[in-house]
Amino acid sequence: MGLIGGIARTAVVAGTATAVSNRVSRRQANRWAEKDQQQADAQADEQQQAYEQQQPPQQAYAPPPPPPEPAAPAQADVLGQLQQLGELKAAGVLTEEEFAAQKAKILGS
């Protein structure tokens, strides 16, 4: 094998070594990139969870409450109605039974 054969063999070995070295470097760089991406994703998930925990809970839309029911007649109003009933009974317009029925109706009993 002469000088040219030795040089050719050295060139092939050097070229193969370079190709293998480059392939190993690329594979290692890809692994590091994947690892970095996984760490970044995990960190983003943690930040999202922390953000959600800091936010007040969202309240669902609720329709407005129904209007309040009309209040029962005020005490003064009840007394006024009872006075009118008493006057009607005294005037003879109402009988004792009618007076008792209306009084019970006003008092709610």
N, C-alpha and C. Protein backbone atom coordinates (compact mmCIF):
# COMPACT_ATOMS: atom_id res chain seq x y z
N MET A 1 0.84 -1.16 0.00
CA MET A 1 0.00 0.00 0.00
C MET A 1 0.88 1.21 0.00
N GLY A 2 0.96 1.96 -0.52
CA GLY A 2 1.94 3.03 -0.54
C GLY A 2 1.47 4.24 0.22
N LEU A 3 2.12 5.29 -0.11
CA LEU A 3 1.85 6.57 0.55
C LEU A 3 0.43 7.02 0.27
N ILE A 4 -0.03 6.86 -0.93
CA ILE A 4 -1.39 7.30 -1.28
C ILE A 4 -2.42 6.43 -0.56
N GLY A 5 -2.17 5.16 -0.45
CA GLY A 5 -3.10 4.28 0.26
C GLY A 5 -3.20 4.67 1.73
N GLY A 6 -2.08 5.02 2.34
CA GLY A 6 -2.07 5.44 3.75
C GLY A 6 -2.83 6.74 3.94
N ILE A 7 -2.63 7.66 3.01
CA ILE A 7 -3.33 8.96 3.09
C ILE A 7 -4.82 8.74 2.90
N ALA A 8 -5.19 7.87 1.95
CA ALA A 8 -6.60 7.61 1.68
C ALA A 8 -7.25 6.99 2.92
N ARG A 9 -6.55 6.01 3.53
CA ARG A 9 -7.10 5.36 4.71
C ARG A 9 -7.24 6.37 5.84
N THR A 10 -6.30 7.24 6.03
CA THR A 10 -6.37 8.28 7.06
C THR A 10 -7.54 9.22 6.79
N ALA A 11 -7.74 9.56 5.53
CA ALA A 11 -8.85 10.45 5.17
C ALA A 11 -10.19 9.78 5.47
N VAL A 12 -10.31 8.50 5.17
CA VAL A 12 -11.56 7.77 5.44
C VAL A 12 -11.81 7.69 6.93
N VAL A 13 -10.79 7.38 7.70
CA VAL A 13 -10.94 7.28 9.15
C VAL A 13 -11.30 8.65 9.73
N ALA A 14 -10.64 9.68 9.28
CA ALA A 14 -10.92 11.04 9.78
C ALA A 14 -12.32 11.46 9.39
N GLY A 15 -12.73 11.18 8.17
CA GLY A 15 -14.09 11.54 7.72
C GLY A 15 -15.14 10.79 8.51
N THR A 16 -14.91 9.51 8.76
CA THR A 16 -15.86 8.71 9.55
C THR A 16 -15.94 9.23 10.97
N ALA A 17 -14.80 9.54 11.53
CA ALA A 17 -14.77 10.08 12.90
C ALA A 17 -15.52 11.40 12.98
N THR A 18 -15.33 12.23 12.00
CA THR A 18 -16.03 13.52 11.96
C THR A 18 -17.53 13.32 11.84
N ALA A 19 -17.96 12.41 10.97
CA ALA A 19 -19.39 12.14 10.78
C ALA A 19 -20.01 11.60 12.07
N VAL A 20 -19.33 10.67 12.71
CA VAL A 20 -19.83 10.10 13.96
C VAL A 20 -19.89 11.16 15.04
N SER A 21 -18.84 11.97 15.12
CA SER A 21 -18.80 13.03 16.12
C SER A 21 -19.96 14.01 15.92
N ASN A 22 -20.19 14.39 14.67
CA ASN A 22 -21.30 15.32 14.37
C ASN A 22 -22.65 14.70 14.73
N ARG A 23 -22.80 13.41 14.42
CA ARG A 23 -24.07 12.74 14.72
C ARG A 23 -24.30 12.69 16.23
N VAL A 24 -23.27 12.36 16.98
CA VAL A 24 -23.38 12.32 18.44
C VAL A 24 -23.71 13.70 18.99
N SER A 25 -23.07 14.71 18.45
CA SER A 25 -23.31 16.09 18.91
C SER A 25 -24.75 16.51 18.63
N ARG A 26 -25.26 16.18 17.44
CA ARG A 26 -26.65 16.53 17.10
C ARG A 26 -27.63 15.81 18.02
N ARG A 27 -27.39 14.50 18.23
CA ARG A 27 -28.28 13.71 19.08
C ARG A 27 -28.29 14.27 20.50
N GLN A 28 -27.12 14.61 21.00
CA GLN A 28 -27.02 15.16 22.34
C GLN A 28 -27.70 16.53 22.42
N ALA A 29 -27.51 17.35 21.40
CA ALA A 29 -28.16 18.67 21.37
C ALA A 29 -29.68 18.51 21.34
N ASN A 30 -30.18 17.53 20.57
CA ASN A 30 -31.62 17.29 20.52
C ASN A 30 -32.15 16.84 21.87
N ARG A 31 -31.42 15.98 22.56
CA ARG A 31 -31.83 15.53 23.89
C ARG A 31 -31.89 16.71 24.86
N TRP A 32 -30.87 17.55 24.82
CA TRP A 32 -30.87 18.73 25.69
C TRP A 32 -32.02 19.66 25.36
N ALA A 33 -32.30 19.82 24.07
CA ALA A 33 -33.40 20.69 23.67
C ALA A 33 -34.74 20.13 24.17
N GLU A 34 -34.91 18.80 24.07
CA GLU A 34 -36.14 18.18 24.57
C GLU A 34 -36.26 18.35 26.08
N LYS A 35 -35.15 18.15 26.77
CA LYS A 35 -35.15 18.30 28.22
C LYS A 35 -35.49 19.74 28.61
N ASP A 36 -34.88 20.70 27.91
CA ASP A 36 -35.16 22.11 28.17
C ASP A 36 -36.64 22.42 27.90
N GLN A 37 -37.18 21.84 26.82
CA GLN A 37 -38.58 22.08 26.47
C GLN A 37 -39.50 21.49 27.54
N GLN A 38 -39.16 20.30 28.03
CA GLN A 38 -39.97 19.69 29.08
C GLN A 38 -39.94 20.53 30.36
N GLN A 39 -38.77 21.05 30.69
CA GLN A 39 -38.66 21.90 31.88
C GLN A 39 -39.45 23.19 31.68
N ALA A 40 -39.38 23.75 30.49
CA ALA A 40 -40.12 24.99 30.21
C ALA A 40 -41.62 24.73 30.29
N ASP A 41 -42.07 23.58 29.76
CA ASP A 41 -43.49 23.24 29.83
C ASP A 41 -43.95 23.05 31.27
N ALA A 42 -43.12 22.36 32.05
CA ALA A 42 -43.46 22.13 33.46
C ALA A 42 -43.53 23.45 34.22
N GLN A 43 -42.59 24.33 33.94
CA GLN A 43 -42.57 25.63 34.60
C GLN A 43 -43.79 26.46 34.19
N ALA A 44 -44.16 26.39 32.92
CA ALA A 44 -45.34 27.12 32.45
C ALA A 44 -46.60 26.58 33.12
N ASP A 45 -46.69 25.26 33.29
CA ASP A 45 -47.84 24.67 33.97
C ASP A 45 -47.90 25.14 35.43
N GLU A 46 -46.76 25.16 36.09
CA GLU A 46 -46.73 25.62 37.48
C GLU A 46 -47.16 27.08 37.59
N GLN A 47 -46.68 27.90 36.67
CA GLN A 47 -47.06 29.32 36.69
C GLN A 47 -48.55 29.48 36.44
N GLN A 48 -49.10 28.68 35.52
CA GLN A 48 -50.53 28.76 35.23
C GLN A 48 -51.34 28.36 36.45
N GLN A 49 -50.91 27.30 37.14
CA GLN A 49 -51.63 26.88 38.33
C GLN A 49 -51.54 27.93 39.43
N ALA A 50 -50.39 28.53 39.59
CA ALA A 50 -50.23 29.58 40.60
C ALA A 50 -51.12 30.78 40.26
N TYR A 51 -51.17 31.12 38.99
CA TYR A 51 -52.00 32.24 38.56
C TYR A 51 -53.47 31.95 38.82
N GLU A 52 -53.91 30.72 38.51
CA GLU A 52 -55.31 30.36 38.72
C GLU A 52 -55.66 30.36 40.20
N GLN A 53 -54.71 29.98 41.05
CA GLN A 53 -54.98 29.97 42.48
C GLN A 53 -55.10 31.39 43.03
N GLN A 54 -54.41 32.34 42.40
CA GLN A 54 -54.45 33.73 42.87
C GLN A 54 -55.72 34.44 42.42
N GLN A 55 -56.33 33.97 41.35
CA GLN A 55 -57.51 34.63 40.81
C GLN A 55 -58.74 34.28 41.63
N PRO A 56 -59.62 35.25 41.86
CA PRO A 56 -60.86 34.92 42.56
C PRO A 56 -61.71 34.03 41.67
N PRO A 57 -62.50 33.16 42.26
CA PRO A 57 -63.32 32.26 41.44
C PRO A 57 -64.31 33.07 40.60
N GLN A 58 -64.47 32.61 39.40
CA GLN A 58 -65.41 33.27 38.51
C GLN A 58 -66.82 32.88 38.93
N GLN A 59 -67.66 33.87 39.04
CA GLN A 59 -69.04 33.59 39.41
C GLN A 59 -69.87 33.45 38.14
N ALA A 60 -70.66 32.42 38.14
CA ALA A 60 -71.53 32.21 36.99
C ALA A 60 -72.60 33.29 36.99
N TYR A 61 -73.11 33.61 35.82
CA TYR A 61 -74.15 34.61 35.70
C TYR A 61 -75.40 34.10 36.40
N ALA A 62 -75.90 34.86 37.28
CA ALA A 62 -77.14 34.50 37.96
C ALA A 62 -78.19 35.56 37.65
N PRO A 63 -79.39 35.15 37.34
CA PRO A 63 -80.43 36.14 37.08
C PRO A 63 -80.70 36.95 38.34
N PRO A 64 -81.17 38.15 38.17
CA PRO A 64 -81.44 38.98 39.36
C PRO A 64 -82.50 38.31 40.23
N PRO A 65 -82.43 38.55 41.52
CA PRO A 65 -83.41 37.93 42.41
C PRO A 65 -84.81 38.47 42.12
N PRO A 66 -85.81 37.69 42.40
CA PRO A 66 -87.18 38.17 42.14
C PRO A 66 -87.49 39.35 43.05
N PRO A 67 -88.38 40.19 42.60
CA PRO A 67 -88.72 41.35 43.43
C PRO A 67 -89.34 40.87 44.75
N PRO A 68 -89.11 41.62 45.80
CA PRO A 68 -89.66 41.21 47.09
C PRO A 68 -91.19 41.21 47.07
N GLU A 69 -91.76 40.29 47.83
CA GLU A 69 -93.21 40.24 47.89
C GLU A 69 -93.72 41.45 48.65
N PRO A 70 -94.90 41.88 48.31
CA PRO A 70 -95.43 43.05 49.01
C PRO A 70 -95.48 42.78 50.51
N ALA A 71 -95.10 43.76 51.25
CA ALA A 71 -95.06 43.63 52.70
C ALA A 71 -96.47 43.50 53.25
N ALA A 72 -96.56 42.81 54.37
CA ALA A 72 -97.86 42.70 55.03
C ALA A 72 -98.30 44.09 55.46
N PRO A 73 -99.58 44.28 55.56
CA PRO A 73 -100.05 45.62 55.96
C PRO A 73 -99.39 46.06 57.25
N ALA A 74 -99.04 47.30 57.29
CA ALA A 74 -98.38 47.85 58.47
C ALA A 74 -99.34 47.82 59.66
N GLN A 75 -98.77 47.89 60.87
CA GLN A 75 -99.57 47.84 62.09
C GLN A 75 -100.62 48.95 62.10
N ALA A 76 -100.21 50.13 61.67
CA ALA A 76 -101.15 51.26 61.67
C ALA A 76 -102.29 51.00 60.70
N ASP A 77 -101.98 50.33 59.55
CA ASP A 77 -103.00 50.04 58.56
C ASP A 77 -104.01 49.04 59.12
N VAL A 78 -103.53 48.04 59.86
CA VAL A 78 -104.41 47.05 60.48
C VAL A 78 -105.33 47.73 61.50
N LEU A 79 -104.72 48.60 62.28
CA LEU A 79 -105.53 49.30 63.29
C LEU A 79 -106.60 50.18 62.63
N GLY A 80 -106.23 50.80 61.53
CA GLY A 80 -107.20 51.64 60.82
C GLY A 80 -108.36 50.82 60.27
N GLN A 81 -108.05 49.63 59.75
CA GLN A 81 -109.11 48.77 59.22
C GLN A 81 -110.03 48.27 60.35
N LEU A 82 -109.40 47.93 61.48
CA LEU A 82 -110.21 47.48 62.61
C LEU A 82 -111.12 48.60 63.13
N GLN A 83 -110.61 49.82 63.13
CA GLN A 83 -111.42 50.97 63.57
C GLN A 83 -112.61 51.16 62.64
N GLN A 84 -112.37 51.03 61.33
CA GLN A 84 -113.48 51.18 60.37
C GLN A 84 -114.52 50.08 60.58
N LEU A 85 -114.03 48.85 60.84
CA LEU A 85 -114.97 47.75 61.10
C LEU A 85 -115.81 48.03 62.34
N GLY A 86 -115.10 48.52 63.38
CA GLY A 86 -115.82 48.85 64.62
C GLY A 86 -116.88 49.93 64.38
N GLU A 87 -116.57 50.93 63.57
CA GLU A 87 -117.52 52.01 63.28
C GLU A 87 -118.71 51.47 62.49
N LEU A 88 -118.42 50.55 61.52
CA LEU A 88 -119.52 49.97 60.73
C LEU A 88 -120.43 49.12 61.62
N LYS A 89 -119.84 48.41 62.58
CA LYS A 89 -120.63 47.59 63.48
C LYS A 89 -121.46 48.48 64.41
N ALA A 90 -120.82 49.56 64.88
CA ALA A 90 -121.53 50.48 65.77
C ALA A 90 -122.67 51.18 65.04
N ALA A 91 -122.47 51.41 63.75
CA ALA A 91 -123.52 52.08 62.97
C ALA A 91 -124.63 51.10 62.61
N GLY A 92 -124.40 49.82 62.84
CA GLY A 92 -125.43 48.83 62.54
C GLY A 92 -125.34 48.29 61.13
N VAL A 93 -124.28 48.60 60.41
CA VAL A 93 -124.13 48.13 59.04
C VAL A 93 -123.72 46.66 59.04
N LEU A 94 -122.89 46.27 60.01
CA LEU A 94 -122.41 44.89 60.09
C LEU A 94 -123.03 44.19 61.30
N THR A 95 -123.32 42.91 61.11
CA THR A 95 -123.79 42.11 62.24
C THR A 95 -122.57 41.64 63.03
N GLU A 96 -122.84 41.01 64.18
CA GLU A 96 -121.75 40.50 65.01
C GLU A 96 -120.96 39.42 64.27
N GLU A 97 -121.64 38.55 63.49
CA GLU A 97 -120.96 37.49 62.75
C GLU A 97 -120.10 38.08 61.62
N GLU A 98 -120.64 39.07 60.91
CA GLU A 98 -119.88 39.70 59.81
C GLU A 98 -118.65 40.43 60.36
N PHE A 99 -118.86 41.09 61.50
CA PHE A 99 -117.74 41.79 62.13
C PHE A 99 -116.64 40.80 62.52
N ALA A 100 -117.00 39.66 63.13
CA ALA A 100 -116.04 38.65 63.57
C ALA A 100 -115.30 38.07 62.35
N ALA A 101 -116.04 37.81 61.26
CA ALA A 101 -115.42 37.23 60.07
C ALA A 101 -114.41 38.20 59.45
N GLN A 102 -114.78 39.47 59.34
CA GLN A 102 -113.89 40.48 58.74
C GLN A 102 -112.68 40.72 59.65
N LYS A 103 -112.92 40.73 60.97
CA LYS A 103 -111.82 40.93 61.91
C LYS A 103 -110.79 39.79 61.78
N ALA A 104 -111.29 38.56 61.69
CA ALA A 104 -110.40 37.41 61.54
C ALA A 104 -109.63 37.50 60.22
N LYS A 105 -110.31 37.97 59.19
CA LYS A 105 -109.65 38.11 57.87
C LYS A 105 -108.54 39.14 57.93
N ILE A 106 -108.78 40.26 58.60
CA ILE A 106 -107.75 41.32 58.70
C ILE A 106 -106.58 40.85 59.55
N LEU A 107 -106.86 40.16 60.65
CA LEU A 107 -105.80 39.71 61.55
C LEU A 107 -105.08 38.48 61.01
N GLY A 108 -105.62 37.87 59.96
CA GLY A 108 -104.98 36.72 59.35
C GLY A 108 -105.12 35.46 60.16
N SER A 109 -106.15 35.33 60.94
CA SER A 109 -106.34 34.12 61.73
C SER A 109 -107.63 33.44 61.40
